[in-house]
Amino acid sequence: METPDNSVIRRTAVDQVFDLVHKWLLSGTFQAGDVLPSQTELAKRFSVSRNTLREAMFKLAALGLVQSRQGVGTVVQAGAPSTYLGSISEQLLLEQITITEFIEARMFTEKAIVHLCVHRAGPELVTNLKANLEAQLQALEDRRDALFNDLDLQFHRELGEGCGNSVMRKFFQTSADLLSAFASKSYLVPGNLEFAYQGHAKIFKAIEQRDAAQAEEAMVWHIKEIALKTLKFLGLELEYELPQLR
């Protein structure tokens, strides 16, 4: 059955909304600095739920194409269309990766990474992680959210570099931009900075004590809880239930 130009079938609603709005940006229908129609209006125009619309906008924001500004709306960001496919992570987003898939992949990948770190990490990794945690705590006390975000990514990057497996390291590098985009949203959630620090501290303690099981549990808990808090704050939902990892 044919659908009107601006309507969307439910099976792939998020991806179709993403594609339609992305085409607007590529065609110049909306220029940098323009404010997109409200989410209520867009949801009605595309015949989808607001939750579907929000998730499509999240993917556009993760690419740096739009930005949500309180009291203003969703604003188109500056940037040449030719740069949109500049990284693997952006290609993954355009190939219809879902938020839930990303969270699930992180849970499995980083669980394995910390397991390897416990068994292979030398004194240098422990020293680097400890220094990073001290800097995180100082950033918290100074309320320097952007710096904390950078230190958060550096903490996970140190783990990826220190696991001693070049393939696992590549997996992490591939998802680094996606992680950065998600982290920038997670710190909008009140209390998430402190919550993230607590998670990092538990992971570090387990690695320092060479407790692989505790390190794995701490990492999975950290990723899952931060993600769920962030999605709830953004008004988004998981497409399916995340696995129970131990």
C-alpha atoms as a PDB file:
ATOM      1  CA  MET A   1       0.000   0.000   0.000  1.00  0.00           C
ATOM      2  CA  GLU A   2       1.350   3.395  -0.956  1.00  0.00           C
ATOM      3  CA  THR A   3       1.879   6.012   1.709  1.00  0.00           C
ATOM      4  CA  PRO A   4       1.854   9.799   1.347  1.00  0.00           C
ATOM      5  CA  ASP A   5       5.266  11.447   0.783  1.00  0.00           C
ATOM      6  CA  ASN A   6       5.556  12.619   4.386  1.00  0.00           C
ATOM      7  CA  SER A   7       4.091   9.574   6.147  1.00  0.00           C
ATOM      8  CA  VAL A   8       6.075   6.667   7.551  1.00  0.00           C
ATOM      9  CA  ILE A   9       5.274   2.979   7.954  1.00  0.00           C
ATOM     10  CA  ARG A  10       5.747   1.747  11.535  1.00  0.00           C
ATOM     11  CA  ARG A  11       8.214  -1.108  10.869  1.00  0.00           C
ATOM     12  CA  THR A  12      11.180   1.200  10.251  1.00  0.00           C
ATOM     13  CA  ALA A  13       9.723   4.457  11.479  1.00  0.00           C
ATOM     14  CA  VAL A  14      12.813   5.806  13.239  1.00  0.00           C
ATOM     15  CA  ASP A  15      15.036   5.156  10.239  1.00  0.00           C
ATOM     16  CA  GLN A  16      12.572   6.635   7.764  1.00  0.00           C
ATOM     17  CA  VAL A  17      12.093   9.784   9.833  1.00  0.00           C
ATOM     18  CA  PHE A  18      15.878  10.053  10.099  1.00  0.00           C
ATOM     19  CA  ASP A  19      16.232   9.707   6.318  1.00  0.00           C
ATOM     20  CA  LEU A  20      13.527  12.276   5.571  1.00  0.00           C
ATOM     21  CA  VAL A  21      14.950  14.930   7.880  1.00  0.00           C
ATOM     22  CA  HIS A  22      18.475  14.151   6.723  1.00  0.00           C
ATOM     23  CA  LYS A  23      17.370  14.765   3.122  1.00  0.00           C
ATOM     24  CA  TRP A  24      15.960  18.132   4.195  1.00  0.00           C
ATOM     25  CA  LEU A  25      19.385  19.073   5.515  1.00  0.00           C
ATOM     26  CA  LEU A  26      21.274  17.795   2.479  1.00  0.00           C
ATOM     27  CA  SER A  27      18.929  19.585   0.075  1.00  0.00           C
ATOM     28  CA  GLY A  28      19.179  22.874   1.934  1.00  0.00           C
ATOM     29  CA  THR A  29      15.485  22.932   2.838  1.00  0.00           C
ATOM     30  CA  PHE A  30      16.719  23.935   6.286  1.00  0.00           C
ATOM     31  CA  GLN A  31      19.972  25.886   6.613  1.00  0.00           C
ATOM     32  CA  ALA A  32      22.438  26.166   9.494  1.00  0.00           C
ATOM     33  CA  GLY A  33      20.801  28.153  12.277  1.00  0.00           C
ATOM     34  CA  ASP A  34      17.257  27.341  11.196  1.00  0.00           C
ATOM     35  CA  VAL A  35      14.903  25.897  13.798  1.00  0.00           C
ATOM     36  CA  LEU A  36      13.099  22.727  12.741  1.00  0.00           C
ATOM     37  CA  PRO A  37       9.345  22.409  13.295  1.00  0.00           C
ATOM     38  CA  SER A  38       8.419  21.274  16.805  1.00  0.00           C
ATOM     39  CA  GLN A  39       8.527  17.576  17.650  1.00  0.00           C
ATOM     40  CA  THR A  40       4.757  17.576  18.008  1.00  0.00           C
ATOM     41  CA  GLU A  41       4.360  19.032  14.523  1.00  0.00           C
ATOM     42  CA  LEU A  42       6.911  16.670  12.971  1.00  0.00           C
ATOM     43  CA  ALA A  43       5.383  13.617  14.652  1.00  0.00           C
ATOM     44  CA  LYS A  44       2.010  14.606  13.229  1.00  0.00           C
ATOM     45  CA  ARG A  45       3.470  15.321   9.790  1.00  0.00           C
ATOM     46  CA  PHE A  46       5.223  11.942   9.623  1.00  0.00           C
ATOM     47  CA  SER A  47       2.362  10.056  11.330  1.00  0.00           C
ATOM     48  CA  VAL A  48       4.634   8.621  14.035  1.00  0.00           C
ATOM     49  CA  SER A  49       4.789   8.727  17.823  1.00  0.00           C
ATOM     50  CA  ARG A  50       6.800  11.402  19.611  1.00  0.00           C
ATOM     51  CA  ASN A  51       9.080   8.684  20.973  1.00  0.00           C
ATOM     52  CA  THR A  52       9.921   7.626  17.413  1.00  0.00           C
ATOM     53  CA  LEU A  53      10.533  11.240  16.457  1.00  0.00           C
ATOM     54  CA  ARG A  54      12.793  11.814  19.491  1.00  0.00           C
ATOM     55  CA  GLU A  55      14.977   8.823  18.658  1.00  0.00           C
ATOM     56  CA  ALA A  56      15.396   9.953  15.054  1.00  0.00           C
ATOM     57  CA  MET A  57      16.422  13.388  16.326  1.00  0.00           C
ATOM     58  CA  PHE A  58      18.873  11.760  18.742  1.00  0.00           C
ATOM     59  CA  LYS A  59      20.609  10.063  15.816  1.00  0.00           C
ATOM     60  CA  LEU A  60      20.775  13.343  13.896  1.00  0.00           C
ATOM     61  CA  ALA A  61      22.178  15.079  16.975  1.00  0.00           C
ATOM     62  CA  ALA A  62      24.761  12.313  17.424  1.00  0.00           C
ATOM     63  CA  LEU A  63      26.013  13.135  13.922  1.00  0.00           C
ATOM     64  CA  GLY A  64      26.275  16.789  14.874  1.00  0.00           C
ATOM     65  CA  LEU A  65      23.630  17.798  12.321  1.00  0.00           C
ATOM     66  CA  VAL A  66      21.155  19.279  14.791  1.00  0.00           C
ATOM     67  CA  GLN A  67      21.200  20.465  18.386  1.00  0.00           C
ATOM     68  CA  SER A  68      18.377  20.703  20.900  1.00  0.00           C
ATOM     69  CA  ARG A  69      18.344  24.061  22.689  1.00  0.00           C
ATOM     70  CA  GLN A  70      16.102  24.663  25.657  1.00  0.00           C
ATOM     71  CA  GLY A  71      13.551  27.356  24.956  1.00  0.00           C
ATOM     72  CA  VAL A  72      14.451  27.416  21.259  1.00  0.00           C
ATOM     73  CA  GLY A  73      13.897  23.982  19.749  1.00  0.00           C
ATOM     74  CA  THR A  74      15.937  21.790  17.411  1.00  0.00           C
ATOM     75  CA  VAL A  75      18.485  23.928  15.583  1.00  0.00           C
ATOM     76  CA  VAL A  76      20.314  22.915  12.389  1.00  0.00           C
ATOM     77  CA  GLN A  77      24.074  22.934  12.914  1.00  0.00           C
ATOM     78  CA  ALA A  78      26.691  24.303  10.540  1.00  0.00           C
ATOM     79  CA  GLY A  79      28.723  21.810   8.511  1.00  0.00           C
ATOM     80  CA  ALA A  80      29.253  20.745   4.914  1.00  0.00           C
ATOM     81  CA  PRO A  81      27.239  17.694   3.792  1.00  0.00           C
ATOM     82  CA  SER A  82      30.447  16.221   2.385  1.00  0.00           C
ATOM     83  CA  THR A  83      31.802  15.805   5.916  1.00  0.00           C
ATOM     84  CA  TYR A  84      28.857  13.799   7.230  1.00  0.00           C
ATOM     85  CA  LEU A  85      30.391  10.455   6.302  1.00  0.00           C
ATOM     86  CA  GLY A  86      33.831  11.274   7.655  1.00  0.00           C
ATOM     87  CA  SER A  87      34.032   8.537  10.290  1.00  0.00           C
ATOM     88  CA  ILE A  88      33.035   4.920  10.757  1.00  0.00           C
ATOM     89  CA  SER A  89      30.704   5.847  13.576  1.00  0.00           C
ATOM     90  CA  GLU A  90      28.769   8.231  11.349  1.00  0.00           C
ATOM     91  CA  GLN A  91      28.411   5.530   8.707  1.00  0.00           C
ATOM     92  CA  LEU A  92      27.064   3.161  11.356  1.00  0.00           C
ATOM     93  CA  LEU A  93      24.446   5.694  12.351  1.00  0.00           C
ATOM     94  CA  LEU A  94      23.424   6.213   8.744  1.00  0.00           C
ATOM     95  CA  GLU A  95      23.201   2.432   8.322  1.00  0.00           C
ATOM     96  CA  GLN A  96      20.381   2.344  10.873  1.00  0.00           C
ATOM     97  CA  ILE A  97      22.219   1.322  14.027  1.00  0.00           C
ATOM     98  CA  THR A  98      19.883   1.670  17.011  1.00  0.00           C
ATOM     99  CA  ILE A  99      20.637   3.078  20.435  1.00  0.00           C
ATOM    100  CA  THR A 100      19.878  -0.279  22.038  1.00  0.00           C
ATOM    101  CA  GLU A 101      22.287  -2.088  19.713  1.00  0.00           C
ATOM    102  CA  PHE A 102      25.018   0.395  20.605  1.00  0.00           C
ATOM    103  CA  ILE A 103      24.472  -0.046  24.359  1.00  0.00           C
ATOM    104  CA  GLU A 104      24.352  -3.833  24.001  1.00  0.00           C
ATOM    105  CA  ALA A 105      27.570  -3.889  21.956  1.00  0.00           C
ATOM    106  CA  ARG A 106      29.327  -1.740  24.556  1.00  0.00           C
ATOM    107  CA  MET A 107      28.250  -4.069  27.362  1.00  0.00           C
ATOM    108  CA  PHE A 108      29.757  -7.117  25.659  1.00  0.00           C
ATOM    109  CA  THR A 109      32.858  -5.402  24.257  1.00  0.00           C
ATOM    110  CA  GLU A 110      33.916  -3.443  27.333  1.00  0.00           C
ATOM    111  CA  LYS A 111      33.164  -6.377  29.633  1.00  0.00           C
ATOM    112  CA  ALA A 112      35.733  -8.352  27.644  1.00  0.00           C
ATOM    113  CA  ILE A 113      38.143  -5.416  27.649  1.00  0.00           C
ATOM    114  CA  VAL A 114      38.208  -5.073  31.448  1.00  0.00           C
ATOM    115  CA  HIS A 115      38.566  -8.851  31.804  1.00  0.00           C
ATOM    116  CA  LEU A 116      41.710  -8.681  29.677  1.00  0.00           C
ATOM    117  CA  CYS A 117      42.941  -5.612  31.555  1.00  0.00           C
ATOM    118  CA  VAL A 118      42.775  -7.483  34.869  1.00  0.00           C
ATOM    119  CA  HIS A 119      44.960 -10.291  33.528  1.00  0.00           C
ATOM    120  CA  ARG A 120      47.317  -8.285  31.321  1.00  0.00           C
ATOM    121  CA  ALA A 121      47.492  -4.739  32.678  1.00  0.00           C
ATOM    122  CA  GLY A 122      50.890  -3.537  33.796  1.00  0.00           C
ATOM    123  CA  PRO A 123      51.721  -0.840  36.360  1.00  0.00           C
ATOM    124  CA  GLU A 124      51.464   1.863  33.688  1.00  0.00           C
ATOM    125  CA  LEU A 125      47.743   1.275  33.090  1.00  0.00           C
ATOM    126  CA  VAL A 126      46.978   1.310  36.818  1.00  0.00           C
ATOM    127  CA  THR A 127      48.950   4.546  37.200  1.00  0.00           C
ATOM    128  CA  ASN A 128      47.186   6.167  34.237  1.00  0.00           C
ATOM    129  CA  LEU A 129      43.722   5.149  35.443  1.00  0.00           C
ATOM    130  CA  LYS A 130      44.433   6.424  38.952  1.00  0.00           C
ATOM    131  CA  ALA A 131      45.607   9.795  37.604  1.00  0.00           C
ATOM    132  CA  ASN A 132      42.551   9.970  35.366  1.00  0.00           C
ATOM    133  CA  LEU A 133      40.205   9.314  38.308  1.00  0.00           C
ATOM    134  CA  GLU A 134      41.887  12.020  40.373  1.00  0.00           C
ATOM    135  CA  ALA A 135      41.402  14.456  37.483  1.00  0.00           C
ATOM    136  CA  GLN A 136      37.751  13.383  37.169  1.00  0.00           C
ATOM    137  CA  LEU A 137      37.163  14.126  40.843  1.00  0.00           C
ATOM    138  CA  GLN A 138      38.748  17.560  40.487  1.00  0.00           C
ATOM    139  CA  ALA A 139      36.607  18.289  37.424  1.00  0.00           C
ATOM    140  CA  LEU A 140      33.524  17.315  39.440  1.00  0.00           C
ATOM    141  CA  GLU A 141      34.466  19.627  42.283  1.00  0.00           C
ATOM    142  CA  ASP A 142      35.120  22.480  39.840  1.00  0.00           C
ATOM    143  CA  ARG A 143      31.884  21.725  37.915  1.00  0.00           C
ATOM    144  CA  ARG A 144      33.799  21.504  34.645  1.00  0.00           C
ATOM    145  CA  ASP A 145      31.389  19.209  32.823  1.00  0.00           C
ATOM    146  CA  ALA A 146      33.101  19.362  29.419  1.00  0.00           C
ATOM    147  CA  LEU A 147      36.441  18.423  30.981  1.00  0.00           C
ATOM    148  CA  PHE A 148      34.808  15.539  32.850  1.00  0.00           C
ATOM    149  CA  ASN A 149      33.333  14.311  29.560  1.00  0.00           C
ATOM    150  CA  ASP A 150      36.813  14.275  27.995  1.00  0.00           C
ATOM    151  CA  LEU A 151      38.262  12.466  31.012  1.00  0.00           C
ATOM    152  CA  ASP A 152      35.433   9.919  30.910  1.00  0.00           C
ATOM    153  CA  LEU A 153      36.253   9.078  27.294  1.00  0.00           C
ATOM    154  CA  GLN A 154      39.963   8.971  28.142  1.00  0.00           C
ATOM    155  CA  PHE A 155      39.264   6.486  30.972  1.00  0.00           C
ATOM    156  CA  HIS A 156      37.551   4.079  28.584  1.00  0.00           C
ATOM    157  CA  ARG A 157      40.228   4.700  25.946  1.00  0.00           C
ATOM    158  CA  GLU A 158      42.950   3.767  28.461  1.00  0.00           C
ATOM    159  CA  LEU A 159      41.157   0.473  29.057  1.00  0.00           C
ATOM    160  CA  GLY A 160      40.921  -0.193  25.330  1.00  0.00           C
ATOM    161  CA  GLU A 161      44.611   0.541  24.864  1.00  0.00           C
ATOM    162  CA  GLY A 162      45.634  -1.455  27.932  1.00  0.00           C
ATOM    163  CA  CYS A 163      43.750  -4.689  27.247  1.00  0.00           C
ATOM    164  CA  GLY A 164      46.559  -6.082  25.100  1.00  0.00           C
ATOM    165  CA  ASN A 165      44.335  -7.133  22.192  1.00  0.00           C
ATOM    166  CA  SER A 166      44.630  -5.070  19.016  1.00  0.00           C
ATOM    167  CA  VAL A 167      41.276  -6.271  17.636  1.00  0.00           C
ATOM    168  CA  MET A 168      39.427  -5.285  20.811  1.00  0.00           C
ATOM    169  CA  ARG A 169      41.243  -1.962  20.689  1.00  0.00           C
ATOM    170  CA  LYS A 170      39.986  -1.418  17.132  1.00  0.00           C
ATOM    171  CA  PHE A 171      36.443  -2.255  18.222  1.00  0.00           C
ATOM    172  CA  PHE A 172      36.657   0.472  20.830  1.00  0.00           C
ATOM    173  CA  GLN A 173      38.203   2.987  18.438  1.00  0.00           C
ATOM    174  CA  THR A 174      35.397   2.342  15.954  1.00  0.00           C
ATOM    175  CA  SER A 175      32.740   3.214  18.520  1.00  0.00           C
ATOM    176  CA  ALA A 176      34.622   6.120  20.134  1.00  0.00           C
ATOM    177  CA  ASP A 177      32.720   8.843  18.260  1.00  0.00           C
ATOM    178  CA  LEU A 178      29.398   7.193  19.060  1.00  0.00           C
ATOM    179  CA  LEU A 179      30.407   7.000  22.719  1.00  0.00           C
ATOM    180  CA  SER A 180      31.364  10.672  22.691  1.00  0.00           C
ATOM    181  CA  ALA A 181      28.019  11.642  21.170  1.00  0.00           C
ATOM    182  CA  PHE A 182      26.091   9.584  23.716  1.00  0.00           C
ATOM    183  CA  ALA A 183      28.206  10.886  26.608  1.00  0.00           C
ATOM    184  CA  SER A 184      27.458  14.474  25.644  1.00  0.00           C
ATOM    185  CA  LYS A 185      23.767  13.676  26.128  1.00  0.00           C
ATOM    186  CA  SER A 186      24.208  11.641  29.310  1.00  0.00           C
ATOM    187  CA  TYR A 187      25.710  14.577  31.167  1.00  0.00           C
ATOM    188  CA  LEU A 188      22.552  16.580  30.674  1.00  0.00           C
ATOM    189  CA  VAL A 189      21.010  14.241  33.258  1.00  0.00           C
ATOM    190  CA  PRO A 190      21.212  15.630  36.811  1.00  0.00           C
ATOM    191  CA  GLY A 191      23.563  13.511  38.913  1.00  0.00           C
ATOM    192  CA  ASN A 192      25.012  11.529  36.014  1.00  0.00           C
ATOM    193  CA  LEU A 193      28.488  13.025  36.373  1.00  0.00           C
ATOM    194  CA  GLU A 194      28.785  11.804  39.946  1.00  0.00           C
ATOM    195  CA  PHE A 195      27.190   8.484  38.994  1.00  0.00           C
ATOM    196  CA  ALA A 196      29.712   7.996  36.187  1.00  0.00           C
ATOM    197  CA  TYR A 197      32.617   8.753  38.520  1.00  0.00           C
ATOM    198  CA  GLN A 198      31.368   6.162  41.009  1.00  0.00           C
ATOM    199  CA  GLY A 199      31.199   3.578  38.227  1.00  0.00           C
ATOM    200  CA  HIS A 200      34.721   4.368  37.061  1.00  0.00           C
ATOM    201  CA  ALA A 201      36.019   4.111  40.636  1.00  0.00           C
ATOM    202  CA  LYS A 202      34.489   0.633  41.033  1.00  0.00           C
ATOM    203  CA  ILE A 203      36.005  -0.513  37.743  1.00  0.00           C
ATOM    204  CA  PHE A 204      39.435   0.820  38.727  1.00  0.00           C
ATOM    205  CA  LYS A 205      39.326  -0.800  42.169  1.00  0.00           C
ATOM    206  CA  ALA A 206      38.513  -4.188  40.641  1.00  0.00           C
ATOM    207  CA  ILE A 207      41.346  -3.892  38.106  1.00  0.00           C
ATOM    208  CA  GLU A 208      43.786  -2.784  40.801  1.00  0.00           C
ATOM    209  CA  GLN A 209      42.794  -5.800  42.929  1.00  0.00           C
ATOM    210  CA  ARG A 210      42.993  -8.141  39.914  1.00  0.00           C
ATOM    211  CA  ASP A 211      39.373  -9.198  40.372  1.00  0.00           C
ATOM    212  CA  ALA A 212      38.111 -10.026  36.869  1.00  0.00           C
ATOM    213  CA  ALA A 213      34.572 -10.958  37.903  1.00  0.00           C
ATOM    214  CA  GLN A 214      34.125  -7.733  39.861  1.00  0.00           C
ATOM    215  CA  ALA A 215      35.603  -5.651  37.035  1.00  0.00           C
ATOM    216  CA  GLU A 216      33.194  -7.183  34.523  1.00  0.00           C
ATOM    217  CA  GLU A 217      30.205  -6.660  36.810  1.00  0.00           C
ATOM    218  CA  ALA A 218      31.204  -3.057  37.518  1.00  0.00           C
ATOM    219  CA  MET A 219      31.620  -2.243  33.820  1.00  0.00           C
ATOM    220  CA  VAL A 220      28.293  -3.763  32.758  1.00  0.00           C
ATOM    221  CA  TRP A 221      26.493  -2.001  35.629  1.00  0.00           C
ATOM    222  CA  HIS A 222      28.162   1.302  34.727  1.00  0.00           C
ATOM    223  CA  ILE A 223      27.242   1.176  31.033  1.00  0.00           C
ATOM    224  CA  LYS A 224      23.698  -0.083  31.563  1.00  0.00           C
ATOM    225  CA  GLU A 225      22.694   2.275  34.375  1.00  0.00           C
ATOM    226  CA  ILE A 226      24.094   5.414  32.732  1.00  0.00           C
ATOM    227  CA  ALA A 227      22.348   4.480  29.476  1.00  0.00           C
ATOM    228  CA  LEU A 228      18.975   3.804  31.105  1.00  0.00           C
ATOM    229  CA  LYS A 229      19.079   7.042  33.092  1.00  0.00           C
ATOM    230  CA  THR A 230      19.965   8.995  29.960  1.00  0.00           C
ATOM    231  CA  LEU A 231      17.265   7.431  27.789  1.00  0.00           C
ATOM    232  CA  LYS A 232      14.648   8.070  30.472  1.00  0.00           C
ATOM    233  CA  PHE A 233      15.736  11.709  30.692  1.00  0.00           C
ATOM    234  CA  LEU A 234      15.547  12.086  26.900  1.00  0.00           C
ATOM    235  CA  GLY A 235      12.128  10.422  26.757  1.00  0.00           C
ATOM    236  CA  LEU A 236      13.427   7.451  24.764  1.00  0.00           C
ATOM    237  CA  GLU A 237      12.902   3.724  25.232  1.00  0.00           C
ATOM    238  CA  LEU A 238      14.903   0.594  24.462  1.00  0.00           C
ATOM    239  CA  GLU A 239      13.794  -1.309  21.350  1.00  0.00           C
ATOM    240  CA  TYR A 240      14.223  -4.567  23.283  1.00  0.00           C
ATOM    241  CA  GLU A 241      15.362  -5.727  26.714  1.00  0.00           C
ATOM    242  CA  LEU A 242      19.102  -5.714  27.293  1.00  0.00           C
ATOM    243  CA  PRO A 243      20.727  -9.064  28.172  1.00  0.00           C
ATOM    244  CA  GLN A 244      21.508  -9.894  31.794  1.00  0.00           C
ATOM    245  CA  LEU A 245      25.297 -10.141  31.851  1.00  0.00           C
ATOM    246  CA  ARG A 246      27.222 -11.360  34.890  1.00  0.00           C
END
